[in-house]
Amino acid sequence: MDGERLAAEIARGEEARVLLAHPLLAAALAAVERHWTGRWRSSRAEEAGLREHAWQRLAALDEVRGQIASHVRTGALAARQIDEEERRER
């Protein structure tokens, strides 16, 4: 991977790290998770559709978190790759 692309991955990873750590986003994600977990737990036996809907929402929320975390990991890997390349050049 070229240096420009690695630098972009590092920058994106840092933005993702800041985003995940942002209190407003963390509170919003937690509120959505509480809401749908509560709906799932309080559903009656005959409300299978509601439980499925709640599960889908929770799965989507996990996917969003996972996508952002993936950018964090990719940025960290890019930083390591640059470090390794710099060590080899010395």
Protein backbone atom coordinates (compact mmCIF):
# COMPACT_ATOMS: atom_id res chain seq x y z
CA MET A 1 0.00 0.00 0.00
CA ASP A 2 1.37 3.44 -0.82
CA GLY A 3 2.17 6.07 1.78
CA GLU A 4 -0.72 8.34 0.82
CA ARG A 5 -3.25 5.57 1.19
CA LEU A 6 -1.76 4.46 4.50
CA ALA A 7 -1.88 8.04 5.79
CA ALA A 8 -5.54 8.27 4.76
CA GLU A 9 -6.29 5.00 6.58
CA ILE A 10 -4.56 6.31 9.70
CA ALA A 11 -6.54 9.57 9.55
CA ARG A 12 -9.81 7.70 9.04
CA GLY A 13 -8.95 5.40 11.93
CA GLU A 14 -8.29 8.34 14.21
CA GLU A 15 -11.59 9.95 13.20
CA ALA A 16 -13.37 6.68 13.93
CA ARG A 17 -11.66 6.40 17.33
CA VAL A 18 -12.76 9.93 18.23
CA LEU A 19 -16.27 9.18 16.99
CA LEU A 20 -16.58 6.02 19.09
CA ALA A 21 -15.30 7.90 22.14
CA HIS A 22 -17.64 10.87 21.65
CA PRO A 23 -20.04 11.09 24.60
CA LEU A 24 -23.01 12.17 22.49
CA LEU A 25 -22.69 9.26 20.08
CA ALA A 26 -22.05 6.82 22.94
CA ALA A 27 -25.18 8.08 24.72
CA ALA A 28 -27.28 7.87 21.56
CA LEU A 29 -26.14 4.32 20.78
CA ALA A 30 -26.74 3.26 24.37
CA ALA A 31 -30.23 4.80 24.36
CA VAL A 32 -31.18 2.99 21.16
CA GLU A 33 -29.80 -0.26 22.53
CA ARG A 34 -31.72 0.16 25.82
CA HIS A 35 -34.92 0.95 23.94
CA TRP A 36 -34.82 -2.12 21.68
CA THR A 37 -33.55 -4.42 24.40
CA GLY A 38 -36.43 -3.26 26.57
CA ARG A 39 -38.95 -3.81 23.78
CA TRP A 40 -37.55 -7.31 23.20
CA ARG A 41 -37.58 -8.22 26.90
CA SER A 42 -41.06 -6.85 27.54
CA SER A 43 -42.65 -8.48 24.50
CA ARG A 44 -45.40 -11.02 25.05
CA ALA A 45 -45.18 -14.58 23.80
CA GLU A 46 -47.44 -13.83 20.82
CA GLU A 47 -45.32 -10.84 19.72
CA ALA A 48 -42.74 -12.77 17.72
CA GLY A 49 -42.77 -10.09 15.03
CA LEU A 50 -41.86 -7.41 17.56
CA ARG A 51 -39.03 -9.53 18.95
CA GLU A 52 -37.70 -10.15 15.44
CA HIS A 53 -37.90 -6.43 14.67
CA ALA A 54 -36.10 -5.56 17.92
CA TRP A 55 -33.42 -8.17 17.19
CA GLN A 56 -32.90 -6.74 13.69
CA ARG A 57 -32.51 -3.24 15.12
CA LEU A 58 -30.01 -4.44 17.73
CA ALA A 59 -28.08 -6.36 15.06
CA ALA A 60 -27.95 -3.23 12.87
CA LEU A 61 -26.70 -1.20 15.82
CA ASP A 62 -23.94 -3.76 16.40
CA GLU A 63 -23.07 -3.58 12.71
CA VAL A 64 -22.70 0.21 12.88
CA ARG A 65 -20.43 -0.09 15.91
CA GLY A 66 -18.48 -2.84 14.18
CA GLN A 67 -17.99 -0.81 11.02
CA ILE A 68 -16.64 2.15 12.97
CA ALA A 69 -14.39 -0.13 15.03
CA SER A 70 -13.14 -1.70 11.81
CA HIS A 71 -11.86 1.70 10.69
CA VAL A 72 -10.05 2.08 14.02
CA ARG A 73 -8.35 -1.30 13.54
CA THR A 74 -7.48 -0.57 9.92
CA GLY A 75 -5.90 2.74 10.93
CA ALA A 76 -3.84 1.01 13.61
CA LEU A 77 -2.67 -1.60 11.09
CA ALA A 78 -1.72 1.13 8.63
CA ALA A 79 0.29 2.91 11.34
CA ARG A 80 2.12 -0.33 12.13
CA GLN A 81 2.83 -0.88 8.46
CA ILE A 82 4.36 2.59 8.16
CA ASP A 83 6.45 1.96 11.30
CA GLU A 84 7.71 -1.33 9.88
CA GLU A 85 8.58 0.27 6.55
CA GLU A 86 10.45 3.07 8.31
CA ARG A 87 12.41 0.55 10.41
CA ARG A 88 13.37 -1.39 7.29
CA GLU A 89 14.62 1.78 5.62
CA ARG A 90 16.99 2.60 8.51
